[in-house]
Amino acid sequence: MAGSINTITAMRLPNGKEIAFVDWSDRPLFSTADILSGATDERIPLFNYLVGDNVTGTQNFTVKRTASERDTNISTPGAMASTEEFLVYAIKPEVLALATDEESPTDAETAEPRFFLDPVPAVYQLMNFMRFIYIDLRVSLKTMQQAPFGYFNVGFGPSFAGPRNGIGGSPTQEAVRALGIPIHIGGQEKFEVALVNATGAALDIGISDNDPLAPTPVQTNRVFQVRILLDGLYKRPVA
């Protein structure tokens, strides 16, 4: 970086390119995917739709949700606009546990809190998801970051403590892992973030009893809304 700690004006990237901090803001980019229990999709892309489009949903949904401002804030699907740049400092996942209407279990528009403690996912449901999924970030078709889902610590949202049926907690930002080297996405450069299930195994995130000695009922209408945030510096020049 150039300048003192109080007057940083530029950053030199490993490829030699220098980024001048003019009209930059601390603003994350985010995108959401809806995942229905039993999904076998091998690649679930994010950052590929705008507000008003369909939210990315797994193939076992027959009806997908219409995206709102809580689902995404990008201006160009799958790429930076010509006026934009982004320096990714961290990748933060967020998981909300919901359920669809039992009468129309494959309709993503009906997903809402229906089970105890929703939208907080049960630990064993979340771990059943994490054992298969990894996050893949590509820029101009080049893989820039790839690691299991659990590697990217959540770092925000409710923190719970106490017995299984106890309710309590507070907002938290814990153990967020900053990237060793920021990832640069330039103007008009294409990028993709995907949740990858390389085995194609069914994601049984609806498992409702983790007792290994008992039959395991499955909530077939269980939905995980997974929101991925690219945290860092965002540039959109005014001219």
C-alpha atoms as a PDB file:
ATOM      1  CA  MET A   1       0.000   0.000   0.000  1.00  0.00           C
ATOM      2  CA  ALA A   2       1.105   3.558  -0.623  1.00  0.00           C
ATOM      3  CA  GLY A   3       1.249   6.303   2.026  1.00  0.00           C
ATOM      4  CA  SER A   4       0.999   6.170   5.808  1.00  0.00           C
ATOM      5  CA  ILE A   5      -1.727   4.274   7.618  1.00  0.00           C
ATOM      6  CA  ASN A   6      -3.852   7.442   7.697  1.00  0.00           C
ATOM      7  CA  THR A   7      -3.231   8.459   4.074  1.00  0.00           C
ATOM      8  CA  ILE A   8      -3.487   5.241   2.056  1.00  0.00           C
ATOM      9  CA  THR A   9      -4.076   6.297  -1.551  1.00  0.00           C
ATOM     10  CA  ALA A  10      -3.292   3.191  -3.607  1.00  0.00           C
ATOM     11  CA  MET A  11      -2.691  -0.559  -3.493  1.00  0.00           C
ATOM     12  CA  ARG A  12      -0.365  -2.506  -5.766  1.00  0.00           C
ATOM     13  CA  LEU A  13      -1.726  -5.956  -6.641  1.00  0.00           C
ATOM     14  CA  PRO A  14       0.516  -9.027  -7.108  1.00  0.00           C
ATOM     15  CA  ASN A  15       0.185  -8.695 -10.907  1.00  0.00           C
ATOM     16  CA  GLY A  16       1.636  -5.196 -10.719  1.00  0.00           C
ATOM     17  CA  LYS A  17      -1.624  -3.325 -11.283  1.00  0.00           C
ATOM     18  CA  GLU A  18      -2.089  -0.318  -9.018  1.00  0.00           C
ATOM     19  CA  ILE A  19      -5.546   0.452  -7.604  1.00  0.00           C
ATOM     20  CA  ALA A  20      -6.076   4.098  -6.620  1.00  0.00           C
ATOM     21  CA  PHE A  21      -8.591   4.571  -3.820  1.00  0.00           C
ATOM     22  CA  VAL A  22     -10.749   7.239  -5.465  1.00  0.00           C
ATOM     23  CA  ASP A  23     -14.542   7.015  -5.121  1.00  0.00           C
ATOM     24  CA  TRP A  24     -14.284   3.663  -3.330  1.00  0.00           C
ATOM     25  CA  SER A  25     -16.693   2.586  -0.597  1.00  0.00           C
ATOM     26  CA  ASP A  26     -16.877  -0.190   1.980  1.00  0.00           C
ATOM     27  CA  ARG A  27     -19.894  -1.909   0.407  1.00  0.00           C
ATOM     28  CA  PRO A  28     -20.378  -5.667   0.070  1.00  0.00           C
ATOM     29  CA  LEU A  29     -21.948  -7.357  -2.949  1.00  0.00           C
ATOM     30  CA  PHE A  30     -24.342 -10.200  -2.196  1.00  0.00           C
ATOM     31  CA  SER A  31     -26.503 -12.829  -3.850  1.00  0.00           C
ATOM     32  CA  THR A  32     -28.847 -15.581  -2.616  1.00  0.00           C
ATOM     33  CA  ALA A  33     -29.691 -19.136  -3.644  1.00  0.00           C
ATOM     34  CA  ASP A  34     -32.677 -21.235  -2.535  1.00  0.00           C
ATOM     35  CA  ILE A  35     -31.901 -24.889  -1.785  1.00  0.00           C
ATOM     36  CA  LEU A  36     -34.660 -27.465  -1.253  1.00  0.00           C
ATOM     37  CA  SER A  37     -34.003 -30.637   0.726  1.00  0.00           C
ATOM     38  CA  GLY A  38     -33.041 -33.527  -1.544  1.00  0.00           C
ATOM     39  CA  ALA A  39     -31.434 -31.311  -4.205  1.00  0.00           C
ATOM     40  CA  THR A  40     -28.740 -33.009  -6.297  1.00  0.00           C
ATOM     41  CA  ASP A  41     -27.496 -30.011  -8.316  1.00  0.00           C
ATOM     42  CA  GLU A  42     -23.736 -30.235  -8.752  1.00  0.00           C
ATOM     43  CA  ARG A  43     -23.309 -26.475  -9.246  1.00  0.00           C
ATOM     44  CA  ILE A  44     -25.590 -23.764  -7.845  1.00  0.00           C
ATOM     45  CA  PRO A  45     -24.561 -20.362  -9.275  1.00  0.00           C
ATOM     46  CA  LEU A  46     -24.998 -17.016  -7.546  1.00  0.00           C
ATOM     47  CA  PHE A  47     -24.553 -13.404  -8.724  1.00  0.00           C
ATOM     48  CA  ASN A  48     -26.273 -14.344 -11.990  1.00  0.00           C
ATOM     49  CA  TYR A  49     -29.585 -12.471 -11.632  1.00  0.00           C
ATOM     50  CA  LEU A  50     -30.914  -8.996 -10.785  1.00  0.00           C
ATOM     51  CA  VAL A  51     -33.758  -7.687  -8.619  1.00  0.00           C
ATOM     52  CA  GLY A  52     -36.991  -8.682 -10.380  1.00  0.00           C
ATOM     53  CA  ASP A  53     -35.500 -11.849 -11.907  1.00  0.00           C
ATOM     54  CA  ASN A  54     -35.887 -15.360 -10.503  1.00  0.00           C
ATOM     55  CA  VAL A  55     -33.689 -16.151  -7.522  1.00  0.00           C
ATOM     56  CA  THR A  56     -31.373 -19.062  -8.263  1.00  0.00           C
ATOM     57  CA  GLY A  57     -33.090 -22.211  -6.987  1.00  0.00           C
ATOM     58  CA  THR A  58     -32.171 -25.880  -7.068  1.00  0.00           C
ATOM     59  CA  GLN A  59     -33.657 -27.998  -9.827  1.00  0.00           C
ATOM     60  CA  ASN A  60     -36.191 -29.693  -7.525  1.00  0.00           C
ATOM     61  CA  PHE A  61     -38.135 -26.417  -7.203  1.00  0.00           C
ATOM     62  CA  THR A  62     -41.004 -26.095  -9.683  1.00  0.00           C
ATOM     63  CA  VAL A  63     -41.657 -22.432  -8.770  1.00  0.00           C
ATOM     64  CA  LYS A  64     -38.852 -19.997  -7.983  1.00  0.00           C
ATOM     65  CA  ARG A  65     -38.955 -16.754  -6.017  1.00  0.00           C
ATOM     66  CA  THR A  66     -38.772 -13.284  -7.521  1.00  0.00           C
ATOM     67  CA  ALA A  67     -35.647 -11.508  -6.296  1.00  0.00           C
ATOM     68  CA  SER A  68     -35.948  -8.420  -4.106  1.00  0.00           C
ATOM     69  CA  GLU A  69     -33.322  -6.065  -2.677  1.00  0.00           C
ATOM     70  CA  ARG A  70     -32.722  -8.503   0.189  1.00  0.00           C
ATOM     71  CA  ASP A  71     -31.621 -11.195  -2.272  1.00  0.00           C
ATOM     72  CA  THR A  72     -29.032  -9.302  -4.325  1.00  0.00           C
ATOM     73  CA  ASN A  73     -27.567  -5.849  -4.900  1.00  0.00           C
ATOM     74  CA  ILE A  74     -25.564  -6.344  -8.086  1.00  0.00           C
ATOM     75  CA  SER A  75     -26.124  -4.155 -11.153  1.00  0.00           C
ATOM     76  CA  THR A  76     -24.917  -6.550 -13.868  1.00  0.00           C
ATOM     77  CA  PRO A  77     -25.485 -10.334 -13.714  1.00  0.00           C
ATOM     78  CA  GLY A  78     -22.281 -12.330 -13.771  1.00  0.00           C
ATOM     79  CA  ALA A  79     -19.983  -9.358 -14.365  1.00  0.00           C
ATOM     80  CA  MET A  80     -18.886  -5.953 -13.185  1.00  0.00           C
ATOM     81  CA  ALA A  81     -20.402  -3.009 -15.059  1.00  0.00           C
ATOM     82  CA  SER A  82     -17.935  -0.913 -17.057  1.00  0.00           C
ATOM     83  CA  THR A  83     -17.959   1.715 -14.276  1.00  0.00           C
ATOM     84  CA  GLU A  84     -17.363  -0.770 -11.450  1.00  0.00           C
ATOM     85  CA  GLU A  85     -14.446  -2.521  -9.766  1.00  0.00           C
ATOM     86  CA  PHE A  86     -14.297  -4.643  -6.650  1.00  0.00           C
ATOM     87  CA  LEU A  87     -11.587  -5.778  -4.251  1.00  0.00           C
ATOM     88  CA  VAL A  88     -12.766  -8.888  -2.369  1.00  0.00           C
ATOM     89  CA  TYR A  89     -11.310  -9.029   1.134  1.00  0.00           C
ATOM     90  CA  ALA A  90     -13.536 -11.771   2.574  1.00  0.00           C
ATOM     91  CA  ILE A  91     -16.311 -14.193   1.621  1.00  0.00           C
ATOM     92  CA  LYS A  92     -19.156 -14.446   4.137  1.00  0.00           C
ATOM     93  CA  PRO A  93     -22.003 -16.994   3.901  1.00  0.00           C
ATOM     94  CA  GLU A  94     -25.343 -16.626   5.663  1.00  0.00           C
ATOM     95  CA  VAL A  95     -27.860 -19.482   6.020  1.00  0.00           C
ATOM     96  CA  LEU A  96     -31.558 -18.994   6.808  1.00  0.00           C
ATOM     97  CA  ALA A  97     -33.667 -22.112   7.498  1.00  0.00           C
ATOM     98  CA  LEU A  98     -37.253 -21.941   6.217  1.00  0.00           C
ATOM     99  CA  ALA A  99     -39.871 -24.347   4.909  1.00  0.00           C
ATOM    100  CA  THR A 100     -42.349 -24.355   2.048  1.00  0.00           C
ATOM    101  CA  ASP A 101     -46.072 -25.042   2.336  1.00  0.00           C
ATOM    102  CA  GLU A 102     -46.695 -28.787   2.713  1.00  0.00           C
ATOM    103  CA  GLU A 103     -49.441 -28.495   0.074  1.00  0.00           C
ATOM    104  CA  SER A 104     -46.956 -27.051  -2.457  1.00  0.00           C
ATOM    105  CA  PRO A 105     -43.520 -28.125  -1.190  1.00  0.00           C
ATOM    106  CA  THR A 106     -41.660 -27.254  -4.406  1.00  0.00           C
ATOM    107  CA  ASP A 107     -42.919 -23.668  -4.554  1.00  0.00           C
ATOM    108  CA  ALA A 108     -40.079 -21.434  -3.327  1.00  0.00           C
ATOM    109  CA  GLU A 109     -42.438 -18.471  -2.992  1.00  0.00           C
ATOM    110  CA  THR A 110     -44.104 -20.174   0.002  1.00  0.00           C
ATOM    111  CA  ALA A 111     -40.868 -20.517   2.008  1.00  0.00           C
ATOM    112  CA  GLU A 112     -41.156 -18.963   5.462  1.00  0.00           C
ATOM    113  CA  PRO A 113     -40.344 -19.833   9.108  1.00  0.00           C
ATOM    114  CA  ARG A 114     -42.435 -22.903  10.016  1.00  0.00           C
ATOM    115  CA  PHE A 115     -40.378 -25.034  12.422  1.00  0.00           C
ATOM    116  CA  PHE A 116     -39.136 -24.318  15.937  1.00  0.00           C
ATOM    117  CA  LEU A 117     -36.312 -21.727  16.007  1.00  0.00           C
ATOM    118  CA  ASP A 118     -36.643 -20.937  12.273  1.00  0.00           C
ATOM    119  CA  PRO A 119     -34.950 -19.151  10.583  1.00  0.00           C
ATOM    120  CA  VAL A 120     -32.000 -20.465  12.641  1.00  0.00           C
ATOM    121  CA  PRO A 121     -30.809 -23.753  11.051  1.00  0.00           C
ATOM    122  CA  ALA A 122     -30.419 -26.788  13.296  1.00  0.00           C
ATOM    123  CA  VAL A 123     -26.746 -27.647  13.699  1.00  0.00           C
ATOM    124  CA  TYR A 124     -27.095 -31.182  12.341  1.00  0.00           C
ATOM    125  CA  GLN A 125     -29.006 -29.897   9.281  1.00  0.00           C
ATOM    126  CA  LEU A 126     -26.324 -27.301   8.603  1.00  0.00           C
ATOM    127  CA  MET A 127     -23.518 -29.843   9.029  1.00  0.00           C
ATOM    128  CA  ASN A 128     -25.295 -32.215   6.632  1.00  0.00           C
ATOM    129  CA  PHE A 129     -25.160 -29.373   4.103  1.00  0.00           C
ATOM    130  CA  MET A 130     -21.555 -28.442   4.863  1.00  0.00           C
ATOM    131  CA  ARG A 131     -20.229 -31.985   4.453  1.00  0.00           C
ATOM    132  CA  PHE A 132     -20.998 -31.855   0.713  1.00  0.00           C
ATOM    133  CA  ILE A 133     -20.758 -28.188  -0.313  1.00  0.00           C
ATOM    134  CA  TYR A 134     -17.760 -26.065  -1.218  1.00  0.00           C
ATOM    135  CA  ILE A 135     -17.625 -22.464  -2.459  1.00  0.00           C
ATOM    136  CA  ASP A 136     -15.986 -21.684  -5.797  1.00  0.00           C
ATOM    137  CA  LEU A 137     -15.133 -18.111  -6.866  1.00  0.00           C
ATOM    138  CA  ARG A 138     -14.032 -17.606 -10.467  1.00  0.00           C
ATOM    139  CA  VAL A 139     -12.918 -14.399 -12.162  1.00  0.00           C
ATOM    140  CA  SER A 140     -12.626 -14.452 -15.972  1.00  0.00           C
ATOM    141  CA  LEU A 141     -13.069 -18.250 -15.797  1.00  0.00           C
ATOM    142  CA  LYS A 142     -10.050 -18.569 -13.495  1.00  0.00           C
ATOM    143  CA  THR A 143     -10.609 -20.116 -10.060  1.00  0.00           C
ATOM    144  CA  MET A 144      -9.485 -17.518  -7.519  1.00  0.00           C
ATOM    145  CA  GLN A 145     -10.807 -19.113  -4.312  1.00  0.00           C
ATOM    146  CA  GLN A 146     -12.094 -22.592  -3.568  1.00  0.00           C
ATOM    147  CA  ALA A 147     -12.676 -24.203  -0.189  1.00  0.00           C
ATOM    148  CA  PRO A 148     -15.302 -26.158   1.778  1.00  0.00           C
ATOM    149  CA  PHE A 149     -18.312 -24.143   2.917  1.00  0.00           C
ATOM    150  CA  GLY A 150     -17.272 -24.269   6.563  1.00  0.00           C
ATOM    151  CA  TYR A 151     -13.920 -22.627   5.775  1.00  0.00           C
ATOM    152  CA  PHE A 152     -15.690 -19.299   5.265  1.00  0.00           C
ATOM    153  CA  ASN A 153     -16.832 -18.402   8.762  1.00  0.00           C
ATOM    154  CA  VAL A 154     -20.234 -16.740   8.874  1.00  0.00           C
ATOM    155  CA  GLY A 155     -19.137 -13.781  10.969  1.00  0.00           C
ATOM    156  CA  PHE A 156     -22.551 -12.154  11.457  1.00  0.00           C
ATOM    157  CA  GLY A 157     -26.072 -12.977  12.522  1.00  0.00           C
ATOM    158  CA  PRO A 158     -27.393 -14.505  15.757  1.00  0.00           C
ATOM    159  CA  SER A 159     -25.104 -16.362  18.139  1.00  0.00           C
ATOM    160  CA  PHE A 160     -26.910 -18.905  20.329  1.00  0.00           C
ATOM    161  CA  ALA A 161     -25.865 -20.541  23.570  1.00  0.00           C
ATOM    162  CA  GLY A 162     -27.644 -22.761  26.051  1.00  0.00           C
ATOM    163  CA  PRO A 163     -29.824 -25.893  25.802  1.00  0.00           C
ATOM    164  CA  ARG A 164     -31.177 -27.089  22.484  1.00  0.00           C
ATOM    165  CA  ASN A 165     -34.613 -25.599  23.144  1.00  0.00           C
ATOM    166  CA  GLY A 166     -33.319 -22.440  24.805  1.00  0.00           C
ATOM    167  CA  ILE A 167     -33.729 -19.159  22.970  1.00  0.00           C
ATOM    168  CA  GLY A 168     -31.146 -16.447  23.309  1.00  0.00           C
ATOM    169  CA  GLY A 169     -28.301 -14.782  21.538  1.00  0.00           C
ATOM    170  CA  SER A 170     -27.044 -11.539  20.137  1.00  0.00           C
ATOM    171  CA  PRO A 171     -25.650 -10.125  16.897  1.00  0.00           C
ATOM    172  CA  THR A 172     -22.082 -11.259  16.390  1.00  0.00           C
ATOM    173  CA  GLN A 173     -19.131 -11.012  14.034  1.00  0.00           C
ATOM    174  CA  GLU A 174     -16.723 -13.744  14.950  1.00  0.00           C
ATOM    175  CA  ALA A 175     -13.644 -15.212  13.301  1.00  0.00           C
ATOM    176  CA  VAL A 176     -14.174 -13.767   9.839  1.00  0.00           C
ATOM    177  CA  ARG A 177     -11.269 -14.948   7.718  1.00  0.00           C
ATOM    178  CA  ALA A 178      -9.756 -12.188   5.609  1.00  0.00           C
ATOM    179  CA  LEU A 179      -8.220 -13.351   2.331  1.00  0.00           C
ATOM    180  CA  GLY A 180      -4.428 -13.328   2.401  1.00  0.00           C
ATOM    181  CA  ILE A 181      -4.424 -11.454  -0.919  1.00  0.00           C
ATOM    182  CA  PRO A 182      -7.483  -9.445  -2.064  1.00  0.00           C
ATOM    183  CA  ILE A 183      -9.174 -10.663  -5.235  1.00  0.00           C
ATOM    184  CA  HIS A 184      -9.626  -7.943  -7.864  1.00  0.00           C
ATOM    185  CA  ILE A 185     -12.622  -7.927 -10.229  1.00  0.00           C
ATOM    186  CA  GLY A 186     -12.203  -5.257 -12.890  1.00  0.00           C
ATOM    187  CA  GLY A 187     -14.687  -3.287 -14.973  1.00  0.00           C
ATOM    188  CA  GLN A 188     -16.681  -5.529 -17.370  1.00  0.00           C
ATOM    189  CA  GLU A 189     -14.825  -8.553 -16.005  1.00  0.00           C
ATOM    190  CA  LYS A 190     -16.948 -11.681 -15.660  1.00  0.00           C
ATOM    191  CA  PHE A 191     -17.102 -13.528 -12.342  1.00  0.00           C
ATOM    192  CA  GLU A 192     -19.056 -16.350 -10.745  1.00  0.00           C
ATOM    193  CA  VAL A 193     -19.594 -17.602  -7.222  1.00  0.00           C
ATOM    194  CA  ALA A 194     -21.098 -21.073  -6.965  1.00  0.00           C
ATOM    195  CA  LEU A 195     -22.067 -23.574  -4.296  1.00  0.00           C
ATOM    196  CA  VAL A 196     -20.654 -26.851  -5.564  1.00  0.00           C
ATOM    197  CA  ASN A 197     -21.788 -30.370  -4.662  1.00  0.00           C
ATOM    198  CA  ALA A 198     -19.216 -32.340  -6.607  1.00  0.00           C
ATOM    199  CA  THR A 199     -20.623 -35.744  -5.589  1.00  0.00           C
ATOM    200  CA  GLY A 200     -24.170 -34.949  -6.706  1.00  0.00           C
ATOM    201  CA  ALA A 201     -25.415 -36.566  -3.494  1.00  0.00           C
ATOM    202  CA  ALA A 202     -28.865 -35.550  -2.262  1.00  0.00           C
ATOM    203  CA  LEU A 203     -28.650 -32.660   0.192  1.00  0.00           C
ATOM    204  CA  ASP A 204     -30.796 -33.982   3.041  1.00  0.00           C
ATOM    205  CA  ILE A 205     -30.958 -30.661   4.873  1.00  0.00           C
ATOM    206  CA  GLY A 206     -34.429 -31.610   6.086  1.00  0.00           C
ATOM    207  CA  ILE A 207     -33.194 -34.306   8.449  1.00  0.00           C
ATOM    208  CA  SER A 208     -35.281 -33.692  11.571  1.00  0.00           C
ATOM    209  CA  ASP A 209     -33.824 -36.175  14.056  1.00  0.00           C
ATOM    210  CA  ASN A 210     -30.102 -36.786  14.457  1.00  0.00           C
ATOM    211  CA  ASP A 211     -30.484 -39.736  16.835  1.00  0.00           C
ATOM    212  CA  PRO A 212     -28.494 -42.548  15.133  1.00  0.00           C
ATOM    213  CA  LEU A 213     -30.531 -45.201  16.998  1.00  0.00           C
ATOM    214  CA  ALA A 214     -33.906 -43.973  15.781  1.00  0.00           C
ATOM    215  CA  PRO A 215     -35.589 -43.802  12.364  1.00  0.00           C
ATOM    216  CA  THR A 216     -34.730 -40.470  10.754  1.00  0.00           C
ATOM    217  CA  PRO A 217     -37.736 -38.495   9.550  1.00  0.00           C
ATOM    218  CA  VAL A 218     -36.985 -35.899   6.885  1.00  0.00           C
ATOM    219  CA  GLN A 219     -38.637 -32.527   6.421  1.00  0.00           C
ATOM    220  CA  THR A 220     -38.932 -32.710   2.630  1.00  0.00           C
ATOM    221  CA  ASN A 221     -40.102 -29.100   2.510  1.00  0.00           C
ATOM    222  CA  ARG A 222     -37.009 -27.738   4.322  1.00  0.00           C
ATOM    223  CA  VAL A 223     -35.367 -24.818   2.489  1.00  0.00           C
ATOM    224  CA  PHE A 224     -31.998 -23.192   3.068  1.00  0.00           C
ATOM    225  CA  GLN A 225     -31.724 -19.658   1.736  1.00  0.00           C
ATOM    226  CA  VAL A 226     -27.969 -19.216   1.370  1.00  0.00           C
ATOM    227  CA  ARG A 227     -26.778 -15.641   0.923  1.00  0.00           C
ATOM    228  CA  ILE A 228     -23.126 -15.088  -0.039  1.00  0.00           C
ATOM    229  CA  LEU A 229     -21.486 -11.732   0.635  1.00  0.00           C
ATOM    230  CA  LEU A 230     -18.323 -10.591  -1.089  1.00  0.00           C
ATOM    231  CA  ASP A 231     -16.921  -8.173   1.466  1.00  0.00           C
ATOM    232  CA  GLY A 232     -14.426  -5.520   0.439  1.00  0.00           C
ATOM    233  CA  LEU A 233     -14.008  -2.270  -1.431  1.00  0.00           C
ATOM    234  CA  TYR A 234     -16.453  -1.318  -4.178  1.00  0.00           C
ATOM    235  CA  LYS A 235     -15.822   1.343  -6.806  1.00  0.00           C
ATOM    236  CA  ARG A 236     -18.442   2.962  -9.005  1.00  0.00           C
ATOM    237  CA  PRO A 237     -17.079   6.275 -10.350  1.00  0.00           C
ATOM    238  CA  VAL A 238     -19.491   9.195 -10.577  1.00  0.00           C
ATOM    239  CA  ALA A 239     -18.226  10.094 -14.051  1.00  0.00           C
END
